[in-house]
């Protein structure tokens, strides 16, 4: 599961479920990734999206 965040046609941060963390690609994205990776609630929401959306549709 990949959840990308884009601003002005440029990806600045991405959550990758294989890695289990956010990765920043710009200065702003690095700051967001650091903050979001330290918040268990936000990481839990991303894992919940994996369970809700990907796992039920994996056999399609």
Protein backbone atom coordinates (compact mmCIF):
# COMPACT_ATOMS: atom_id res chain seq x y z
CA UNK A 1 0.00 0.00 0.00
CA UNK A 2 1.42 3.34 -1.08
CA UNK A 3 -0.13 6.62 0.05
CA UNK A 4 1.50 9.56 -1.75
CA UNK A 5 1.06 13.22 -0.87
CA UNK A 6 1.50 15.65 -3.76
CA UNK A 7 1.59 19.43 -3.84
CA UNK A 8 2.01 21.46 -7.02
CA UNK A 9 2.62 18.28 -9.07
CA UNK A 10 5.52 17.21 -6.84
CA UNK A 11 5.40 14.29 -4.42
CA UNK A 12 6.69 15.48 -1.07
CA UNK A 13 5.96 12.54 1.25
CA UNK A 14 4.89 8.91 0.87
CA UNK A 15 3.72 6.14 3.19
CA UNK A 16 4.84 2.68 2.09
CA UNK A 17 3.26 -0.23 3.96
CA UNK A 18 6.24 -2.49 3.19
CA UNK A 19 8.51 -0.05 5.01
CA UNK A 20 5.80 0.84 7.53
CA UNK A 21 6.82 4.49 7.68
CA UNK A 22 6.54 7.80 5.88
CA UNK A 23 9.44 8.91 3.67
CA UNK A 24 9.95 12.58 2.80
CA UNK A 25 11.27 13.79 -0.55
CA UNK A 26 11.42 17.56 0.01
CA UNK A 27 12.38 19.72 2.98
CA UNK A 28 8.71 20.08 3.92
CA UNK A 29 8.13 16.36 3.33
CA UNK A 30 11.03 15.39 5.57
CA UNK A 31 9.57 17.47 8.41
CA UNK A 32 6.12 15.94 7.93
CA UNK A 33 7.53 12.42 7.71
CA UNK A 34 9.46 12.88 10.95
CA UNK A 35 6.38 14.19 12.77
CA UNK A 36 4.01 11.57 11.33
CA UNK A 37 6.40 8.67 12.01
CA UNK A 38 6.54 9.67 15.68
CA UNK A 39 2.72 9.66 15.94
CA UNK A 40 1.37 6.15 16.55
CA UNK A 41 -2.16 7.30 15.72
CA UNK A 42 -1.25 8.43 12.21
CA UNK A 43 0.74 5.25 11.54
CA UNK A 44 -2.23 3.26 12.84
CA UNK A 45 -4.56 5.04 10.41
CA UNK A 46 -2.33 4.10 7.49
CA UNK A 47 -2.21 0.47 8.63
CA UNK A 48 -6.02 0.52 8.97
CA UNK A 49 -6.30 1.71 5.36
CA UNK A 50 -4.15 -1.25 4.31
CA UNK A 51 -6.49 -3.62 6.14
CA UNK A 52 -9.65 -1.88 4.89
CA UNK A 53 -8.78 -1.39 1.24
CA UNK A 54 -5.95 -3.66 0.13
CA UNK A 55 -6.38 -6.94 1.94
CA UNK A 56 -10.06 -7.51 0.96
CA UNK A 57 -9.22 -6.70 -2.69
CA UNK A 58 -5.94 -8.63 -2.94
CA UNK A 59 -7.59 -11.58 -4.72
CA UNK A 60 -9.17 -9.42 -7.43
